[in-house]
Amino acid sequence: MTKKNRRLIVESNFIKEGLKNKLSLPEFLLLVYFDNSFDLLFDVNLIEEVLQMKEEDILEAYSSLIAKKIIKVENIKNEAGKICEKVSLEPFYQNIMLQDRNTQKKVLKEDIFSIFEAELGRTLSPMDYELINAWIDKGFSKELIIAALKEATYNGAKNLRYIERVLYEWHKKGFTKPEDVNKNWRDNDGDIPLFETKVMDFDWLNESN
C-alpha cells in the first residue's frame, strides 16, 4: 500500500467492541489504523498522513488507548538500530474473542432450552434452567446433553435428575460425544443401558426435579 489514500478495513465486531469501550472517534480511528498496519510501529508522521489527524490528537488518543489497556506497547530496535514503539492489539482482540464466546454460549443455551421443552412436552421451570446451565458450565457438550435427554425420554423418565445421573455415568466412562455412547453404552442385545441395574430400584419417574 502507498502511504497516501490508504484504505482501512473495519469488521463489524471491531466496531461493536469499540462502542462497548466508549472510544472517542480519534481513539477508534487510531485503533483501526493499527489493525490495518503491517508492522504496527507507532509512526506519528505516517498516522497523521493516513488519518488526516493533528499530531496532538494522535498522541492524546494513543496515550488514552494505553491507559485503558486496549493496546500494549513495547520498545524494539528497527533495522537502523533506532528504538521504536511497537503496538500490540492483543488485549482488544482478546476482548472480542471473549465476547464472541459469550454470544455463542448464549445461543447454545437458548437452543438447548427449546429442545428440552420440546422433548419434555412442558415449559422449563427456573430450577430446570439452573440445572441445565450447571451442566453446560461444567463442560458437558450440547450434543452429549441432548443425547442424555433422549436417553431419558427413551426410558420414559422425563426427569432432569435422571438425565444428570446419565451424564455423570457417561463422564465416569469417558464418554464425550454421542458416538461414544452408541458404541459402548448398551448391553450386547442393545437394550438396557449398562448402568441401569444400579438405578432401577430408584423411583426416577416420581422424583422431583
N, C-alpha and C. Protein backbone atom coordinates (compact mmCIF):
# COMPACT_ATOMS: atom_id res chain seq x y z
N MET A 1 0.84 -1.21 0.00
CA MET A 1 0.00 0.00 0.00
C MET A 1 0.87 1.25 0.00
N THR A 2 0.42 2.26 -0.68
CA THR A 2 1.11 3.54 -0.61
C THR A 2 0.67 4.26 0.64
N LYS A 3 1.45 5.21 1.06
CA LYS A 3 1.12 5.95 2.27
C LYS A 3 -0.13 6.80 2.08
N LYS A 4 -0.27 7.36 0.92
CA LYS A 4 -1.41 8.22 0.67
C LYS A 4 -2.61 7.39 0.23
N ASN A 5 -3.80 7.88 0.61
CA ASN A 5 -5.05 7.23 0.21
C ASN A 5 -5.12 5.77 0.63
N ARG A 6 -4.57 5.48 1.78
CA ARG A 6 -4.64 4.10 2.27
C ARG A 6 -6.06 3.77 2.67
N ARG A 7 -6.54 2.60 2.24
CA ARG A 7 -7.89 2.18 2.57
C ARG A 7 -7.86 1.33 3.83
N LEU A 8 -8.66 1.70 4.82
CA LEU A 8 -8.71 0.97 6.08
C LEU A 8 -9.95 0.11 6.12
N ILE A 9 -9.80 -1.14 6.56
CA ILE A 9 -10.90 -2.10 6.62
C ILE A 9 -11.31 -2.29 8.08
N VAL A 10 -12.62 -2.25 8.32
CA VAL A 10 -13.14 -2.41 9.68
C VAL A 10 -14.20 -3.50 9.69
N GLU A 11 -14.07 -4.47 10.59
CA GLU A 11 -15.06 -5.53 10.73
C GLU A 11 -16.12 -5.12 11.75
N SER A 12 -17.31 -5.73 11.63
CA SER A 12 -18.42 -5.33 12.48
C SER A 12 -18.15 -5.58 13.97
N ASN A 13 -17.50 -6.71 14.29
CA ASN A 13 -17.23 -6.99 15.71
C ASN A 13 -16.22 -6.01 16.29
N PHE A 14 -15.36 -5.48 15.42
CA PHE A 14 -14.40 -4.46 15.82
C PHE A 14 -15.15 -3.19 16.23
N ILE A 15 -16.16 -2.82 15.44
CA ILE A 15 -16.97 -1.63 15.74
C ILE A 15 -17.73 -1.83 17.05
N LYS A 16 -18.33 -3.02 17.23
CA LYS A 16 -19.11 -3.30 18.44
C LYS A 16 -18.25 -3.19 19.69
N GLU A 17 -17.04 -3.73 19.60
CA GLU A 17 -16.15 -3.68 20.76
C GLU A 17 -15.71 -2.25 21.04
N GLY A 18 -15.50 -1.47 19.97
CA GLY A 18 -15.14 -0.07 20.14
C GLY A 18 -16.24 0.72 20.83
N LEU A 19 -17.49 0.46 20.43
CA LEU A 19 -18.63 1.13 21.06
C LEU A 19 -18.76 0.72 22.52
N LYS A 20 -18.52 -0.57 22.80
CA LYS A 20 -18.63 -1.07 24.17
C LYS A 20 -17.61 -0.38 25.08
N ASN A 21 -16.44 -0.08 24.53
CA ASN A 21 -15.38 0.57 25.30
C ASN A 21 -15.53 2.09 25.30
N LYS A 22 -16.58 2.61 24.63
CA LYS A 22 -16.87 4.05 24.58
C LYS A 22 -15.65 4.85 24.10
N LEU A 23 -15.06 4.38 23.01
CA LEU A 23 -13.90 5.07 22.46
C LEU A 23 -14.32 6.36 21.77
N SER A 24 -13.47 7.35 21.87
CA SER A 24 -13.69 8.58 21.11
C SER A 24 -13.37 8.30 19.65
N LEU A 25 -13.77 9.20 18.77
CA LEU A 25 -13.50 9.00 17.34
C LEU A 25 -12.00 8.91 17.06
N PRO A 26 -11.16 9.81 17.62
CA PRO A 26 -9.71 9.68 17.38
C PRO A 26 -9.15 8.34 17.89
N GLU A 27 -9.63 7.88 19.06
CA GLU A 27 -9.17 6.60 19.60
C GLU A 27 -9.55 5.46 18.68
N PHE A 28 -10.79 5.49 18.21
CA PHE A 28 -11.26 4.42 17.34
C PHE A 28 -10.50 4.40 16.01
N LEU A 29 -10.31 5.59 15.42
CA LEU A 29 -9.59 5.66 14.14
C LEU A 29 -8.16 5.18 14.29
N LEU A 30 -7.53 5.52 15.40
CA LEU A 30 -6.16 5.08 15.64
C LEU A 30 -6.11 3.57 15.81
N LEU A 31 -7.09 3.02 16.49
CA LEU A 31 -7.16 1.57 16.69
C LEU A 31 -7.36 0.86 15.35
N VAL A 32 -8.21 1.41 14.51
CA VAL A 32 -8.44 0.85 13.18
C VAL A 32 -7.15 0.92 12.36
N TYR A 33 -6.44 2.03 12.48
CA TYR A 33 -5.17 2.17 11.77
C TYR A 33 -4.20 1.05 12.17
N PHE A 34 -4.06 0.82 13.47
CA PHE A 34 -3.15 -0.22 13.94
C PHE A 34 -3.61 -1.60 13.48
N ASP A 35 -4.93 -1.81 13.44
CA ASP A 35 -5.46 -3.10 13.00
C ASP A 35 -5.12 -3.37 11.54
N ASN A 36 -4.99 -2.31 10.76
CA ASN A 36 -4.66 -2.43 9.34
C ASN A 36 -3.16 -2.29 9.06
N SER A 37 -2.40 -2.00 10.11
CA SER A 37 -0.97 -1.75 9.93
C SER A 37 -0.19 -3.05 9.75
N PHE A 38 0.80 -3.04 8.91
CA PHE A 38 1.61 -4.23 8.66
C PHE A 38 2.64 -4.44 9.77
N ASP A 39 3.33 -3.38 10.17
CA ASP A 39 4.40 -3.54 11.16
C ASP A 39 4.02 -3.08 12.57
N LEU A 40 2.84 -2.41 12.70
CA LEU A 40 2.34 -1.95 14.00
C LEU A 40 3.29 -1.00 14.72
N LEU A 41 4.10 -0.28 13.96
CA LEU A 41 5.00 0.70 14.57
C LEU A 41 4.27 2.02 14.74
N PHE A 42 4.59 2.70 15.83
CA PHE A 42 3.95 3.99 16.09
C PHE A 42 4.75 5.08 15.40
N ASP A 43 4.28 5.45 14.21
CA ASP A 43 4.92 6.48 13.38
C ASP A 43 3.94 7.65 13.27
N VAL A 44 4.16 8.66 14.07
CA VAL A 44 3.22 9.79 14.13
C VAL A 44 3.04 10.44 12.77
N ASN A 45 4.12 10.63 12.04
CA ASN A 45 4.03 11.30 10.74
C ASN A 45 3.18 10.52 9.76
N LEU A 46 3.37 9.19 9.74
CA LEU A 46 2.60 8.35 8.83
C LEU A 46 1.12 8.31 9.24
N ILE A 47 0.87 8.22 10.53
CA ILE A 47 -0.51 8.19 11.02
C ILE A 47 -1.21 9.51 10.69
N GLU A 48 -0.47 10.59 10.85
CA GLU A 48 -1.01 11.92 10.54
C GLU A 48 -1.41 12.01 9.08
N GLU A 49 -0.59 11.41 8.23
CA GLU A 49 -0.85 11.46 6.79
C GLU A 49 -2.03 10.58 6.40
N VAL A 50 -2.11 9.39 6.99
CA VAL A 50 -3.17 8.44 6.63
C VAL A 50 -4.51 8.85 7.20
N LEU A 51 -4.55 9.24 8.47
CA LEU A 51 -5.80 9.54 9.14
C LEU A 51 -6.23 10.99 9.04
N GLN A 52 -5.31 11.84 8.55
CA GLN A 52 -5.60 13.26 8.46
C GLN A 52 -5.98 13.82 9.82
N MET A 53 -5.21 13.44 10.83
CA MET A 53 -5.43 13.92 12.19
C MET A 53 -4.26 14.78 12.64
N LYS A 54 -4.53 15.67 13.58
CA LYS A 54 -3.47 16.50 14.12
C LYS A 54 -2.59 15.67 15.05
N GLU A 55 -1.32 16.05 15.13
CA GLU A 55 -0.38 15.29 15.95
C GLU A 55 -0.83 15.22 17.41
N GLU A 56 -1.32 16.34 17.94
CA GLU A 56 -1.72 16.34 19.36
C GLU A 56 -2.91 15.40 19.61
N ASP A 57 -3.82 15.30 18.61
CA ASP A 57 -4.96 14.38 18.75
C ASP A 57 -4.49 12.93 18.70
N ILE A 58 -3.50 12.68 17.86
CA ILE A 58 -2.95 11.32 17.76
C ILE A 58 -2.29 10.92 19.08
N LEU A 59 -1.47 11.79 19.61
CA LEU A 59 -0.76 11.50 20.85
C LEU A 59 -1.72 11.31 22.02
N GLU A 60 -2.76 12.13 22.05
CA GLU A 60 -3.74 12.02 23.13
C GLU A 60 -4.51 10.70 23.03
N ALA A 61 -4.92 10.34 21.81
CA ALA A 61 -5.64 9.09 21.61
C ALA A 61 -4.75 7.89 21.91
N TYR A 62 -3.50 7.98 21.53
CA TYR A 62 -2.53 6.91 21.76
C TYR A 62 -2.34 6.67 23.27
N SER A 63 -2.15 7.72 24.01
CA SER A 63 -1.97 7.62 25.46
C SER A 63 -3.22 7.06 26.13
N SER A 64 -4.39 7.47 25.63
CA SER A 64 -5.64 7.01 26.21
C SER A 64 -5.85 5.52 25.97
N LEU A 65 -5.53 5.03 24.78
CA LEU A 65 -5.67 3.60 24.48
C LEU A 65 -4.76 2.75 25.37
N ILE A 66 -3.57 3.27 25.64
CA ILE A 66 -2.65 2.56 26.53
C ILE A 66 -3.20 2.56 27.95
N ALA A 67 -3.67 3.72 28.41
CA ALA A 67 -4.20 3.84 29.77
C ALA A 67 -5.41 2.94 29.98
N LYS A 68 -6.24 2.79 28.96
CA LYS A 68 -7.43 1.93 29.05
C LYS A 68 -7.09 0.46 28.86
N LYS A 69 -5.82 0.16 28.62
CA LYS A 69 -5.33 -1.22 28.43
C LYS A 69 -6.00 -1.90 27.23
N ILE A 70 -6.26 -1.10 26.20
CA ILE A 70 -6.81 -1.62 24.96
C ILE A 70 -5.69 -2.04 24.02
N ILE A 71 -4.55 -1.36 24.14
CA ILE A 71 -3.35 -1.74 23.40
C ILE A 71 -2.18 -1.87 24.37
N LYS A 72 -1.18 -2.63 23.94
CA LYS A 72 0.08 -2.73 24.69
C LYS A 72 1.19 -2.20 23.79
N VAL A 73 2.23 -1.69 24.42
CA VAL A 73 3.34 -1.12 23.65
C VAL A 73 4.66 -1.67 24.18
N GLU A 74 5.54 -2.03 23.27
CA GLU A 74 6.88 -2.46 23.66
C GLU A 74 7.92 -1.75 22.80
N ASN A 75 9.07 -1.51 23.37
CA ASN A 75 10.15 -0.85 22.64
C ASN A 75 11.01 -1.88 21.91
N ILE A 76 11.25 -1.64 20.63
CA ILE A 76 12.08 -2.54 19.82
C ILE A 76 13.08 -1.72 19.02
N LYS A 77 14.07 -2.38 18.48
CA LYS A 77 15.03 -1.73 17.59
C LYS A 77 14.65 -2.01 16.14
N ASN A 78 14.63 -0.94 15.34
CA ASN A 78 14.36 -1.15 13.92
C ASN A 78 15.63 -1.55 13.19
N GLU A 79 15.57 -1.67 11.87
CA GLU A 79 16.71 -2.12 11.09
C GLU A 79 17.89 -1.17 11.21
N ALA A 80 17.61 0.09 11.50
CA ALA A 80 18.68 1.08 11.64
C ALA A 80 19.24 1.13 13.06
N GLY A 81 18.69 0.28 13.94
CA GLY A 81 19.16 0.25 15.33
C GLY A 81 18.51 1.30 16.21
N LYS A 82 17.50 1.97 15.67
CA LYS A 82 16.80 3.00 16.43
C LYS A 82 15.67 2.38 17.25
N ILE A 83 15.50 2.86 18.50
CA ILE A 83 14.43 2.36 19.36
C ILE A 83 13.08 2.89 18.87
N CYS A 84 12.13 1.98 18.64
CA CYS A 84 10.78 2.36 18.19
C CYS A 84 9.74 1.70 19.08
N GLU A 85 8.56 2.26 19.07
CA GLU A 85 7.45 1.68 19.84
C GLU A 85 6.59 0.82 18.92
N LYS A 86 6.46 -0.45 19.30
CA LYS A 86 5.62 -1.38 18.54
C LYS A 86 4.34 -1.65 19.32
N VAL A 87 3.22 -1.58 18.63
CA VAL A 87 1.91 -1.70 19.26
C VAL A 87 1.38 -3.12 19.13
N SER A 88 0.76 -3.61 20.20
CA SER A 88 0.07 -4.89 20.18
C SER A 88 -1.40 -4.66 20.51
N LEU A 89 -2.28 -5.22 19.67
CA LEU A 89 -3.72 -5.12 19.90
C LEU A 89 -4.27 -6.36 20.60
N GLU A 90 -3.39 -7.16 21.17
CA GLU A 90 -3.81 -8.41 21.80
C GLU A 90 -4.92 -8.22 22.84
N PRO A 91 -4.82 -7.21 23.75
CA PRO A 91 -5.91 -7.03 24.73
C PRO A 91 -7.26 -6.79 24.07
N PHE A 92 -7.27 -5.99 23.01
CA PHE A 92 -8.51 -5.68 22.31
C PHE A 92 -9.06 -6.92 21.61
N TYR A 93 -8.18 -7.70 20.95
CA TYR A 93 -8.60 -8.91 20.26
C TYR A 93 -9.14 -9.94 21.25
N GLN A 94 -8.51 -10.04 22.41
CA GLN A 94 -8.97 -11.00 23.42
C GLN A 94 -10.37 -10.66 23.90
N ASN A 95 -10.66 -9.37 24.05
CA ASN A 95 -12.00 -8.94 24.45
C ASN A 95 -13.03 -9.31 23.39
N ILE A 96 -12.66 -9.16 22.11
CA ILE A 96 -13.56 -9.53 21.02
C ILE A 96 -13.83 -11.03 21.04
N MET A 97 -12.78 -11.83 21.23
CA MET A 97 -12.93 -13.28 21.28
C MET A 97 -13.81 -13.70 22.46
N LEU A 98 -13.62 -13.05 23.60
CA LEU A 98 -14.42 -13.36 24.78
C LEU A 98 -15.88 -13.04 24.54
N GLN A 99 -16.13 -11.90 23.89
CA GLN A 99 -17.50 -11.50 23.58
C GLN A 99 -18.14 -12.50 22.63
N ASP A 100 -17.37 -12.95 21.61
CA ASP A 100 -17.89 -13.93 20.66
C ASP A 100 -18.24 -15.24 21.35
N ARG A 101 -17.36 -15.68 22.27
CA ARG A 101 -17.62 -16.93 23.00
C ARG A 101 -18.87 -16.80 23.87
N ASN A 102 -19.03 -15.65 24.51
CA ASN A 102 -20.21 -15.44 25.35
C ASN A 102 -21.49 -15.45 24.52
N THR A 103 -21.42 -14.85 23.32
CA THR A 103 -22.58 -14.83 22.43
C THR A 103 -22.93 -16.24 21.97
N GLN A 104 -21.90 -17.00 21.59
CA GLN A 104 -22.12 -18.38 21.14
C GLN A 104 -22.71 -19.22 22.27
N LYS A 105 -22.19 -18.99 23.49
CA LYS A 105 -22.69 -19.73 24.64
C LYS A 105 -24.15 -19.41 24.91
N LYS A 106 -24.53 -18.14 24.75
CA LYS A 106 -25.92 -17.73 24.96
C LYS A 106 -26.83 -18.39 23.95
N VAL A 107 -26.42 -18.40 22.68
CA VAL A 107 -27.22 -19.03 21.63
C VAL A 107 -27.34 -20.52 21.89
N LEU A 108 -26.23 -21.14 22.32
CA LEU A 108 -26.22 -22.56 22.62
C LEU A 108 -27.22 -22.89 23.71
N LYS A 109 -27.23 -22.09 24.78
CA LYS A 109 -28.15 -22.34 25.89
C LYS A 109 -29.60 -22.20 25.44
N GLU A 110 -29.90 -21.14 24.69
CA GLU A 110 -31.27 -20.91 24.24
C GLU A 110 -31.74 -22.07 23.38
N ASP A 111 -30.84 -22.59 22.54
CA ASP A 111 -31.16 -23.71 21.65
C ASP A 111 -31.46 -24.96 22.48
N ILE A 112 -30.63 -25.23 23.49
CA ILE A 112 -30.82 -26.40 24.35
C ILE A 112 -32.15 -26.30 25.11
N PHE A 113 -32.47 -25.13 25.62
CA PHE A 113 -33.71 -24.96 26.37
C PHE A 113 -34.92 -25.30 25.49
N SER A 114 -34.89 -24.86 24.24
CA SER A 114 -36.01 -25.13 23.31
C SER A 114 -36.14 -26.63 23.06
N ILE A 115 -35.00 -27.29 22.89
CA ILE A 115 -35.02 -28.74 22.65
C ILE A 115 -35.56 -29.48 23.87
N PHE A 116 -35.17 -29.06 25.06
CA PHE A 116 -35.65 -29.70 26.29
C PHE A 116 -37.17 -29.55 26.41
N GLU A 117 -37.67 -28.35 26.14
CA GLU A 117 -39.10 -28.13 26.26
C GLU A 117 -39.87 -28.97 25.25
N ALA A 118 -39.31 -29.11 24.05
CA ALA A 118 -39.97 -29.93 23.02
C ALA A 118 -39.98 -31.40 23.41
N GLU A 119 -38.86 -31.90 23.94
CA GLU A 119 -38.74 -33.31 24.31
C GLU A 119 -39.58 -33.65 25.54
N LEU A 120 -39.57 -32.74 26.51
CA LEU A 120 -40.29 -33.00 27.76
C LEU A 120 -41.78 -32.67 27.66
N GLY A 121 -42.13 -31.87 26.66
CA GLY A 121 -43.53 -31.52 26.47
C GLY A 121 -44.06 -30.57 27.52
N ARG A 122 -43.19 -29.73 28.05
CA ARG A 122 -43.61 -28.77 29.07
C ARG A 122 -42.64 -27.59 29.09
N THR A 123 -43.06 -26.53 29.77
CA THR A 123 -42.20 -25.36 29.95
C THR A 123 -41.20 -25.64 31.07
N LEU A 124 -39.97 -25.25 30.88
CA LEU A 124 -38.95 -25.46 31.90
C LEU A 124 -39.17 -24.53 33.09
N SER A 125 -38.91 -25.04 34.27
CA SER A 125 -39.00 -24.24 35.49
C SER A 125 -37.68 -23.52 35.73
N PRO A 126 -37.66 -22.51 36.60
CA PRO A 126 -36.39 -21.84 36.94
C PRO A 126 -35.34 -22.83 37.43
N MET A 127 -35.77 -23.86 38.19
CA MET A 127 -34.82 -24.86 38.67
C MET A 127 -34.25 -25.69 37.52
N ASP A 128 -35.10 -25.96 36.50
CA ASP A 128 -34.64 -26.68 35.32
C ASP A 128 -33.54 -25.89 34.60
N TYR A 129 -33.80 -24.58 34.41
CA TYR A 129 -32.82 -23.72 33.77
C TYR A 129 -31.50 -23.74 34.53
N GLU A 130 -31.60 -23.66 35.84
CA GLU A 130 -30.40 -23.63 36.68
C GLU A 130 -29.59 -24.92 36.54
N LEU A 131 -30.30 -26.05 36.49
CA LEU A 131 -29.62 -27.33 36.40
C LEU A 131 -28.95 -27.52 35.03
N ILE A 132 -29.66 -27.16 33.97
CA ILE A 132 -29.09 -27.28 32.62
C ILE A 132 -27.88 -26.35 32.46
N ASN A 133 -28.00 -25.14 32.97
CA ASN A 133 -26.86 -24.20 32.94
C ASN A 133 -25.66 -24.78 33.68
N ALA A 134 -25.91 -25.48 34.79
CA ALA A 134 -24.82 -26.07 35.56
C ALA A 134 -24.11 -27.14 34.75
N TRP A 135 -24.85 -27.93 33.98
CA TRP A 135 -24.21 -28.95 33.13
C TRP A 135 -23.32 -28.30 32.08
N ILE A 136 -23.83 -27.24 31.47
CA ILE A 136 -23.05 -26.54 30.44
C ILE A 136 -21.79 -25.94 31.04
N ASP A 137 -21.93 -25.31 32.21
CA ASP A 137 -20.79 -24.68 32.87
C ASP A 137 -19.74 -25.70 33.29
N LYS A 138 -20.17 -26.93 33.56
CA LYS A 138 -19.24 -27.98 33.96
C LYS A 138 -18.56 -28.65 32.77
N GLY A 139 -18.92 -28.22 31.55
CA GLY A 139 -18.19 -28.67 30.37
C GLY A 139 -18.86 -29.76 29.56
N PHE A 140 -20.08 -30.17 29.92
CA PHE A 140 -20.77 -31.15 29.09
C PHE A 140 -21.17 -30.49 27.78
N SER A 141 -20.91 -31.18 26.67
CA SER A 141 -21.21 -30.60 25.36
C SER A 141 -22.71 -30.61 25.10
N LYS A 142 -23.14 -29.73 24.19
CA LYS A 142 -24.54 -29.66 23.80
C LYS A 142 -25.02 -31.02 23.29
N GLU A 143 -24.19 -31.65 22.46
CA GLU A 143 -24.58 -32.92 21.85
C GLU A 143 -24.78 -34.01 22.90
N LEU A 144 -23.87 -34.03 23.91
CA LEU A 144 -23.96 -35.05 24.94
C LEU A 144 -25.18 -34.82 25.84
N ILE A 145 -25.46 -33.56 26.17
CA ILE A 145 -26.63 -33.25 27.00
C ILE A 145 -27.92 -33.67 26.28
N ILE A 146 -28.00 -33.37 24.99
CA ILE A 146 -29.19 -33.73 24.23
C ILE A 146 -29.32 -35.25 24.13
N ALA A 147 -28.17 -35.94 23.98
CA ALA A 147 -28.19 -37.41 23.94
C ALA A 147 -28.71 -37.98 25.25
N ALA A 148 -28.31 -37.37 26.38
CA ALA A 148 -28.79 -37.82 27.69
C ALA A 148 -30.29 -37.55 27.84
N LEU A 149 -30.73 -36.43 27.30
CA LEU A 149 -32.16 -36.10 27.31
C LEU A 149 -32.95 -37.16 26.54
N LYS A 150 -32.47 -37.54 25.38
CA LYS A 150 -33.15 -38.54 24.55
C LYS A 150 -33.09 -39.91 25.23
N GLU A 151 -32.00 -40.19 25.93
CA GLU A 151 -31.89 -41.44 26.68
C GLU A 151 -32.97 -41.51 27.76
N ALA A 152 -33.20 -40.39 28.43
CA ALA A 152 -34.20 -40.34 29.49
C ALA A 152 -35.61 -40.52 28.92
N THR A 153 -35.92 -39.80 27.84
CA THR A 153 -37.26 -39.91 27.25
C THR A 153 -37.48 -41.29 26.65
N TYR A 154 -36.41 -41.90 26.14
CA TYR A 154 -36.49 -43.26 25.60
C TYR A 154 -36.90 -44.25 26.69
N ASN A 155 -36.41 -44.02 27.92
CA ASN A 155 -36.72 -44.88 29.05
C ASN A 155 -37.95 -44.41 29.83
N GLY A 156 -38.64 -43.37 29.31
CA GLY A 156 -39.85 -42.89 29.96
C GLY A 156 -39.61 -42.12 31.23
N ALA A 157 -38.38 -41.66 31.42
CA ALA A 157 -38.02 -40.92 32.64
C ALA A 157 -37.76 -39.46 32.29
N LYS A 158 -38.82 -38.69 32.16
CA LYS A 158 -38.68 -37.28 31.79
C LYS A 158 -38.34 -36.45 33.02
N ASN A 159 -37.17 -36.71 33.54
CA ASN A 159 -36.75 -36.13 34.81
C ASN A 159 -35.32 -35.66 34.70
N LEU A 160 -35.05 -34.40 35.07
CA LEU A 160 -33.72 -33.84 34.89
C LEU A 160 -32.69 -34.50 35.80
N ARG A 161 -33.09 -34.98 36.95
CA ARG A 161 -32.14 -35.68 37.83
C ARG A 161 -31.71 -37.00 37.22
N TYR A 162 -32.60 -37.65 36.52
CA TYR A 162 -32.25 -38.86 35.79
C TYR A 162 -31.23 -38.53 34.70
N ILE A 163 -31.52 -37.44 33.97
CA ILE A 163 -30.60 -37.01 32.91
C ILE A 163 -29.23 -36.69 33.49
N GLU A 164 -29.21 -36.04 34.64
CA GLU A 164 -27.95 -35.72 35.29
C GLU A 164 -27.18 -36.97 35.66
N ARG A 165 -27.89 -37.98 36.18
CA ARG A 165 -27.22 -39.24 36.53
C ARG A 165 -26.61 -39.89 35.29
N VAL A 166 -27.35 -39.87 34.19
CA VAL A 166 -26.84 -40.42 32.94
C VAL A 166 -25.57 -39.69 32.51
N LEU A 167 -25.61 -38.36 32.57
CA LEU A 167 -24.44 -37.57 32.17
C LEU A 167 -23.21 -37.92 33.00
N TYR A 168 -23.39 -38.06 34.32
CA TYR A 168 -22.25 -38.34 35.18
C TYR A 168 -21.76 -39.77 35.02
N GLU A 169 -22.65 -40.70 34.71
CA GLU A 169 -22.22 -42.06 34.41
C GLU A 169 -21.40 -42.07 33.12
N TRP A 170 -21.85 -41.32 32.13
CA TRP A 170 -21.10 -41.22 30.88
C TRP A 170 -19.74 -40.57 31.10
N HIS A 171 -19.74 -39.54 31.95
CA HIS A 171 -18.49 -38.84 32.26
C HIS A 171 -17.48 -39.80 32.91
N LYS A 172 -17.95 -40.64 33.84
CA LYS A 172 -17.06 -41.59 34.51
C LYS A 172 -16.49 -42.60 33.53
N LYS A 173 -17.25 -42.92 32.49
CA LYS A 173 -16.79 -43.87 31.49
C LYS A 173 -15.98 -43.21 30.38
N GLY A 174 -15.83 -41.87 30.46
CA GLY A 174 -15.02 -41.16 29.48
C GLY A 174 -15.74 -40.83 28.19
N PHE A 175 -17.07 -40.92 28.21
CA PHE A 175 -17.84 -40.59 27.01
C PHE A 175 -17.90 -39.07 26.87
N THR A 176 -17.54 -38.56 25.71
CA THR A 176 -17.57 -37.11 25.48
C THR A 176 -18.47 -36.71 24.32
N LYS A 177 -18.92 -37.69 23.54
CA LYS A 177 -19.79 -37.39 22.39
C LYS A 177 -20.78 -38.54 22.20
N PRO A 178 -21.89 -38.29 21.52
CA PRO A 178 -22.91 -39.33 21.34
C PRO A 178 -22.37 -40.62 20.70
N GLU A 179 -21.36 -40.50 19.85
CA GLU A 179 -20.81 -41.69 19.20
C GLU A 179 -20.23 -42.66 20.23
N ASP A 180 -19.61 -42.10 21.29
CA ASP A 180 -19.08 -42.96 22.35
C ASP A 180 -20.20 -43.72 23.03
N VAL A 181 -21.32 -43.03 23.22
CA VAL A 181 -22.47 -43.64 23.89
C VAL A 181 -23.03 -44.78 23.05
N ASN A 182 -23.23 -44.52 21.76
CA ASN A 182 -23.81 -45.52 20.87
C ASN A 182 -22.96 -46.77 20.79
N LYS A 183 -21.66 -46.60 20.93
CA LYS A 183 -20.74 -47.72 20.79
C LYS A 183 -20.60 -48.53 22.07
N ASN A 184 -20.67 -47.87 23.24
CA ASN A 184 -20.31 -48.53 24.49
C ASN A 184 -21.39 -48.56 25.56
N TRP A 185 -22.53 -47.91 25.33
CA TRP A 185 -23.47 -47.69 26.43
C TRP A 185 -24.38 -48.88 26.71
N ARG A 186 -24.93 -49.49 25.67
CA ARG A 186 -25.92 -50.54 25.90
C ARG A 186 -25.28 -51.93 25.96
N ASP A 187 -26.06 -52.89 26.48
CA ASP A 187 -25.55 -54.25 26.60
C ASP A 187 -25.44 -54.90 25.23
N ASN A 188 -25.06 -56.16 25.19
CA ASN A 188 -24.83 -56.84 23.91
C ASN A 188 -26.09 -56.96 23.06
N ASP A 189 -27.25 -56.93 23.70
CA ASP A 189 -28.50 -57.01 22.94
C ASP A 189 -29.01 -55.64 22.50
N GLY A 190 -28.30 -54.59 22.94
CA GLY A 190 -28.68 -53.24 22.54
C GLY A 190 -29.89 -52.71 23.26
N ASP A 191 -30.20 -53.29 24.44
CA ASP A 191 -31.42 -52.89 25.13
C ASP A 191 -31.17 -52.03 26.36
N ILE A 192 -30.66 -52.63 27.44
CA ILE A 192 -30.59 -51.95 28.72
C ILE A 192 -29.25 -51.22 28.87
N PRO A 193 -29.27 -49.94 29.20
CA PRO A 193 -28.02 -49.22 29.46
C PRO A 193 -27.21 -49.94 30.54
N LEU A 194 -25.90 -49.91 30.43
CA LEU A 194 -25.03 -50.69 31.30
C LEU A 194 -25.13 -50.31 32.76
N PHE A 195 -25.53 -49.08 33.09
CA PHE A 195 -25.62 -48.71 34.48
C PHE A 195 -27.04 -48.86 35.03
N GLU A 196 -27.97 -49.28 34.17
CA GLU A 196 -29.38 -49.24 34.53
C GLU A 196 -29.71 -50.10 35.74
N THR A 197 -29.06 -51.24 35.91
CA THR A 197 -29.39 -52.13 37.02
C THR A 197 -29.10 -51.47 38.36
N LYS A 198 -28.20 -50.46 38.40
CA LYS A 198 -27.85 -49.79 39.65
C LYS A 198 -28.88 -48.76 40.06
N VAL A 199 -29.75 -48.38 39.15
CA VAL A 199 -30.72 -47.33 39.47
C VAL A 199 -32.17 -47.75 39.28
N MET A 200 -32.37 -49.00 38.88
CA MET A 200 -33.73 -49.46 38.62
C MET A 200 -34.61 -49.36 39.86
N ASP A 201 -34.02 -49.55 41.04
CA ASP A 201 -34.81 -49.56 42.27
C ASP A 201 -35.23 -48.16 42.71
N PHE A 202 -34.65 -47.13 42.09
CA PHE A 202 -34.99 -45.77 42.48
C PHE A 202 -36.16 -45.29 41.63
N ASP A 203 -37.12 -44.62 42.27
CA ASP A 203 -38.31 -44.16 41.58
C ASP A 203 -38.04 -42.84 40.86
N TRP A 204 -37.31 -42.92 39.73
CA TRP A 204 -36.95 -41.72 38.98
C TRP A 204 -38.17 -41.00 38.42
N LEU A 205 -39.18 -41.74 38.05
CA LEU A 205 -40.35 -41.12 37.41
C LEU A 205 -41.09 -40.17 38.34
N ASN A 206 -41.03 -40.47 39.64
CA ASN A 206 -41.75 -39.63 40.59
C ASN A 206 -40.84 -38.72 41.40
N GLU A 207 -39.52 -38.81 41.14
CA GLU A 207 -38.57 -37.94 41.84
C GLU A 207 -38.76 -36.52 41.34
N SER A 208 -38.75 -35.55 42.27
CA SER A 208 -38.91 -34.15 41.86
C SER A 208 -37.67 -33.68 41.18
N ASN A 209 -37.81 -32.63 40.35
CA ASN A 209 -36.66 -32.06 39.65
C ASN A 209 -35.74 -31.36 40.60
